[in-house]
Amino acid sequence: MATDSVSQIVPIELLRQGERGLIHDLDGNEEVIHRLAELGLREQVELTMILQGQPCIVCVGDHRLTLRLDPSLTIFVEVSH
C-alpha cells in the first residue's frame, strides 16, 4: 500500500529548532532576494533551523547565517519529515 506524503509549505519563522526545510519561494523586495541568493538562500536549497526568534539562526550547507527577517520579506519552506 502506497502512502501519500503531503508536503507542508510554511514561512521560515514557523520552523522549529532542529527542523529542516527546502526553500520553496522567496517573496519580497527583489534587491533583498538577490542579496539572500548571494548568501546561499535561494529556491531548492535545504536549510536547518538552529535557533528560532528574531534574529533566527539557520544552517545552509556548512554555513550558519543569522537572519533578522523583515515583515516585507517572506521565505517559504517545504518542511522535511
N, C-alpha and C. Protein backbone atom coordinates (compact mmCIF):
# COMPACT_ATOMS: atom_id res chain seq x y z
N MET A 1 0.84 -1.17 0.00
CA MET A 1 0.00 0.00 0.00
C MET A 1 0.89 1.24 0.00
N ALA A 2 0.64 2.14 -0.92
CA ALA A 2 1.44 3.36 -1.04
C ALA A 2 0.90 4.42 -0.09
N THR A 3 1.82 5.16 0.50
CA THR A 3 1.40 6.26 1.36
C THR A 3 1.73 7.57 0.67
N ASP A 4 0.78 8.46 0.67
CA ASP A 4 1.00 9.78 0.09
C ASP A 4 1.56 10.70 1.16
N SER A 5 2.67 11.32 0.84
CA SER A 5 3.22 12.27 1.80
C SER A 5 2.79 13.66 1.36
N VAL A 6 2.18 14.36 2.27
CA VAL A 6 1.70 15.70 2.00
C VAL A 6 2.78 16.67 2.44
N SER A 7 3.25 17.49 1.51
CA SER A 7 4.27 18.46 1.88
C SER A 7 3.59 19.67 2.51
N GLN A 8 4.26 20.22 3.48
CA GLN A 8 3.74 21.38 4.19
C GLN A 8 4.66 22.55 3.89
N ILE A 9 4.11 23.60 3.29
CA ILE A 9 4.89 24.79 2.97
C ILE A 9 4.48 25.89 3.94
N VAL A 10 5.49 26.40 4.67
CA VAL A 10 5.23 27.38 5.73
C VAL A 10 6.28 28.49 5.65
N PRO A 11 5.99 29.65 6.23
CA PRO A 11 7.03 30.69 6.36
C PRO A 11 8.16 30.16 7.24
N ILE A 12 9.37 30.57 6.97
CA ILE A 12 10.55 30.08 7.69
C ILE A 12 10.43 30.28 9.20
N GLU A 13 9.72 31.32 9.63
CA GLU A 13 9.58 31.59 11.07
C GLU A 13 8.87 30.46 11.81
N LEU A 14 8.12 29.62 11.08
CA LEU A 14 7.38 28.54 11.71
C LEU A 14 8.19 27.25 11.86
N LEU A 15 9.40 27.21 11.28
CA LEU A 15 10.25 26.04 11.50
C LEU A 15 10.67 26.01 12.97
N ARG A 16 10.65 24.83 13.55
CA ARG A 16 11.09 24.68 14.93
C ARG A 16 12.59 24.39 14.96
N GLN A 17 13.19 24.60 16.11
CA GLN A 17 14.61 24.34 16.27
C GLN A 17 14.92 22.90 15.88
N GLY A 18 15.92 22.72 15.02
CA GLY A 18 16.32 21.40 14.55
C GLY A 18 15.56 20.90 13.35
N GLU A 19 14.49 21.58 12.97
CA GLU A 19 13.68 21.16 11.83
C GLU A 19 14.33 21.61 10.54
N ARG A 20 14.21 20.78 9.51
CA ARG A 20 14.79 21.09 8.20
C ARG A 20 13.71 21.42 7.20
N GLY A 21 14.10 22.22 6.22
CA GLY A 21 13.16 22.58 5.17
C GLY A 21 13.89 22.90 3.88
N LEU A 22 13.16 22.82 2.80
CA LEU A 22 13.67 23.15 1.47
C LEU A 22 13.03 24.47 1.06
N ILE A 23 13.85 25.44 0.70
CA ILE A 23 13.30 26.75 0.31
C ILE A 23 12.43 26.56 -0.94
N HIS A 24 11.18 26.95 -0.81
CA HIS A 24 10.21 26.79 -1.89
C HIS A 24 10.04 28.09 -2.68
N ASP A 25 10.05 29.23 -1.97
CA ASP A 25 9.82 30.52 -2.63
C ASP A 25 10.28 31.64 -1.72
N LEU A 26 10.70 32.73 -2.30
CA LEU A 26 11.03 33.95 -1.58
C LEU A 26 10.16 35.05 -2.15
N ASP A 27 9.46 35.75 -1.28
CA ASP A 27 8.52 36.77 -1.72
C ASP A 27 8.88 38.09 -1.05
N GLY A 28 9.18 39.10 -1.86
CA GLY A 28 9.52 40.40 -1.30
C GLY A 28 10.35 41.22 -2.27
N ASN A 29 11.07 42.18 -1.74
CA ASN A 29 11.91 43.09 -2.49
C ASN A 29 12.98 42.32 -3.27
N GLU A 30 13.04 42.56 -4.58
CA GLU A 30 13.98 41.84 -5.45
C GLU A 30 15.44 42.06 -5.03
N GLU A 31 15.76 43.24 -4.56
CA GLU A 31 17.13 43.53 -4.14
C GLU A 31 17.52 42.68 -2.92
N VAL A 32 16.61 42.54 -1.99
CA VAL A 32 16.85 41.73 -0.79
C VAL A 32 16.94 40.26 -1.18
N ILE A 33 16.05 39.81 -2.06
CA ILE A 33 16.07 38.42 -2.52
C ILE A 33 17.40 38.12 -3.21
N HIS A 34 17.90 39.05 -4.00
CA HIS A 34 19.18 38.88 -4.68
C HIS A 34 20.32 38.76 -3.66
N ARG A 35 20.29 39.58 -2.62
CA ARG A 35 21.32 39.53 -1.58
C ARG A 35 21.27 38.19 -0.83
N LEU A 36 20.07 37.71 -0.53
CA LEU A 36 19.94 36.41 0.13
C LEU A 36 20.47 35.29 -0.76
N ALA A 37 20.23 35.39 -2.07
CA ALA A 37 20.75 34.39 -3.01
C ALA A 37 22.28 34.38 -2.98
N GLU A 38 22.88 35.56 -2.87
CA GLU A 38 24.34 35.64 -2.77
C GLU A 38 24.86 34.94 -1.52
N LEU A 39 24.03 34.91 -0.47
CA LEU A 39 24.41 34.25 0.78
C LEU A 39 24.08 32.75 0.75
N GLY A 40 23.44 32.29 -0.33
CA GLY A 40 23.11 30.87 -0.45
C GLY A 40 21.66 30.53 -0.18
N LEU A 41 20.85 31.53 0.13
CA LEU A 41 19.42 31.29 0.39
C LEU A 41 18.63 31.54 -0.88
N ARG A 42 18.33 30.46 -1.59
CA ARG A 42 17.55 30.54 -2.82
C ARG A 42 16.70 29.28 -2.95
N GLU A 43 15.79 29.30 -3.88
CA GLU A 43 14.87 28.17 -4.07
C GLU A 43 15.64 26.86 -4.22
N GLN A 44 15.05 25.79 -3.67
CA GLN A 44 15.57 24.43 -3.73
C GLN A 44 16.83 24.20 -2.88
N VAL A 45 17.12 25.11 -1.97
CA VAL A 45 18.24 24.93 -1.04
C VAL A 45 17.69 24.44 0.29
N GLU A 46 18.32 23.41 0.85
CA GLU A 46 17.89 22.89 2.15
C GLU A 46 18.56 23.66 3.27
N LEU A 47 17.80 23.91 4.32
CA LEU A 47 18.34 24.59 5.49
C LEU A 47 17.82 23.92 6.75
N THR A 48 18.49 24.20 7.85
CA THR A 48 18.08 23.70 9.16
C THR A 48 17.94 24.89 10.09
N MET A 49 16.84 24.93 10.85
CA MET A 49 16.64 25.99 11.83
C MET A 49 17.48 25.64 13.07
N ILE A 50 18.44 26.48 13.37
CA ILE A 50 19.30 26.26 14.53
C ILE A 50 18.70 26.93 15.76
N LEU A 51 18.25 28.17 15.59
CA LEU A 51 17.68 28.91 16.71
C LEU A 51 16.55 29.79 16.19
N GLN A 52 15.35 29.57 16.73
CA GLN A 52 14.20 30.40 16.35
C GLN A 52 14.31 31.77 17.00
N GLY A 53 13.57 32.70 16.47
CA GLY A 53 13.49 34.02 17.09
C GLY A 53 13.81 35.12 16.11
N GLN A 54 14.05 36.28 16.67
CA GLN A 54 14.35 37.45 15.85
C GLN A 54 15.59 38.11 16.43
N PRO A 55 16.76 37.88 15.91
CA PRO A 55 17.03 37.15 14.67
C PRO A 55 17.01 35.63 14.88
N CYS A 56 16.88 34.92 13.77
CA CYS A 56 16.97 33.46 13.83
C CYS A 56 18.33 33.05 13.25
N ILE A 57 18.74 31.82 13.56
CA ILE A 57 19.99 31.29 13.01
C ILE A 57 19.63 30.03 12.22
N VAL A 58 20.07 30.00 10.97
CA VAL A 58 19.83 28.84 10.11
C VAL A 58 21.17 28.30 9.62
N CYS A 59 21.18 27.03 9.31
CA CYS A 59 22.36 26.39 8.76
C CYS A 59 22.06 26.06 7.30
N VAL A 60 22.93 26.52 6.42
CA VAL A 60 22.81 26.25 4.99
C VAL A 60 24.14 25.64 4.57
N GLY A 61 24.12 24.36 4.23
CA GLY A 61 25.38 23.68 3.93
C GLY A 61 26.25 23.68 5.17
N ASP A 62 27.48 24.18 5.04
CA ASP A 62 28.42 24.25 6.16
C ASP A 62 28.41 25.62 6.84
N HIS A 63 27.45 26.46 6.49
CA HIS A 63 27.44 27.83 6.99
C HIS A 63 26.23 28.09 7.88
N ARG A 64 26.46 28.86 8.93
CA ARG A 64 25.37 29.33 9.79
C ARG A 64 25.15 30.80 9.50
N LEU A 65 23.89 31.15 9.28
CA LEU A 65 23.54 32.53 8.97
C LEU A 65 22.56 33.05 10.01
N THR A 66 22.76 34.28 10.42
CA THR A 66 21.83 34.95 11.31
C THR A 66 20.94 35.83 10.45
N LEU A 67 19.63 35.66 10.60
CA LEU A 67 18.66 36.41 9.79
C LEU A 67 17.73 37.21 10.68
N ARG A 68 17.65 38.49 10.42
CA ARG A 68 16.63 39.33 11.04
C ARG A 68 15.60 39.57 9.94
N LEU A 69 14.50 38.83 10.00
CA LEU A 69 13.53 38.86 8.92
C LEU A 69 12.66 40.10 8.98
N ASP A 70 12.50 40.70 7.84
CA ASP A 70 11.70 41.92 7.68
C ASP A 70 10.27 41.50 7.31
N PRO A 71 9.26 42.19 7.83
CA PRO A 71 7.88 41.84 7.50
C PRO A 71 7.57 41.91 6.01
N SER A 72 8.37 42.66 5.25
CA SER A 72 8.12 42.78 3.81
C SER A 72 8.73 41.63 3.01
N LEU A 73 9.40 40.69 3.70
CA LEU A 73 10.01 39.54 3.03
C LEU A 73 9.50 38.26 3.69
N THR A 74 9.11 37.31 2.86
CA THR A 74 8.70 36.01 3.37
C THR A 74 9.49 34.94 2.64
N ILE A 75 10.09 34.05 3.42
CA ILE A 75 10.79 32.89 2.87
C ILE A 75 9.90 31.68 3.17
N PHE A 76 9.39 31.04 2.13
CA PHE A 76 8.55 29.87 2.29
C PHE A 76 9.40 28.61 2.17
N VAL A 77 9.23 27.69 3.10
CA VAL A 77 10.00 26.44 3.07
C VAL A 77 9.04 25.25 3.09
N GLU A 78 9.46 24.19 2.42
CA GLU A 78 8.75 22.92 2.47
C GLU A 78 9.38 22.11 3.60
N VAL A 79 8.60 21.83 4.61
CA VAL A 79 9.11 21.16 5.81
C VAL A 79 9.48 19.72 5.47
N SER A 80 10.71 19.31 5.89
CA SER A 80 11.17 17.94 5.70
C SER A 80 10.75 17.09 6.89
N HIS A 81 10.26 15.91 6.61
CA HIS A 81 9.86 15.00 7.70
C HIS A 81 10.72 13.78 7.71
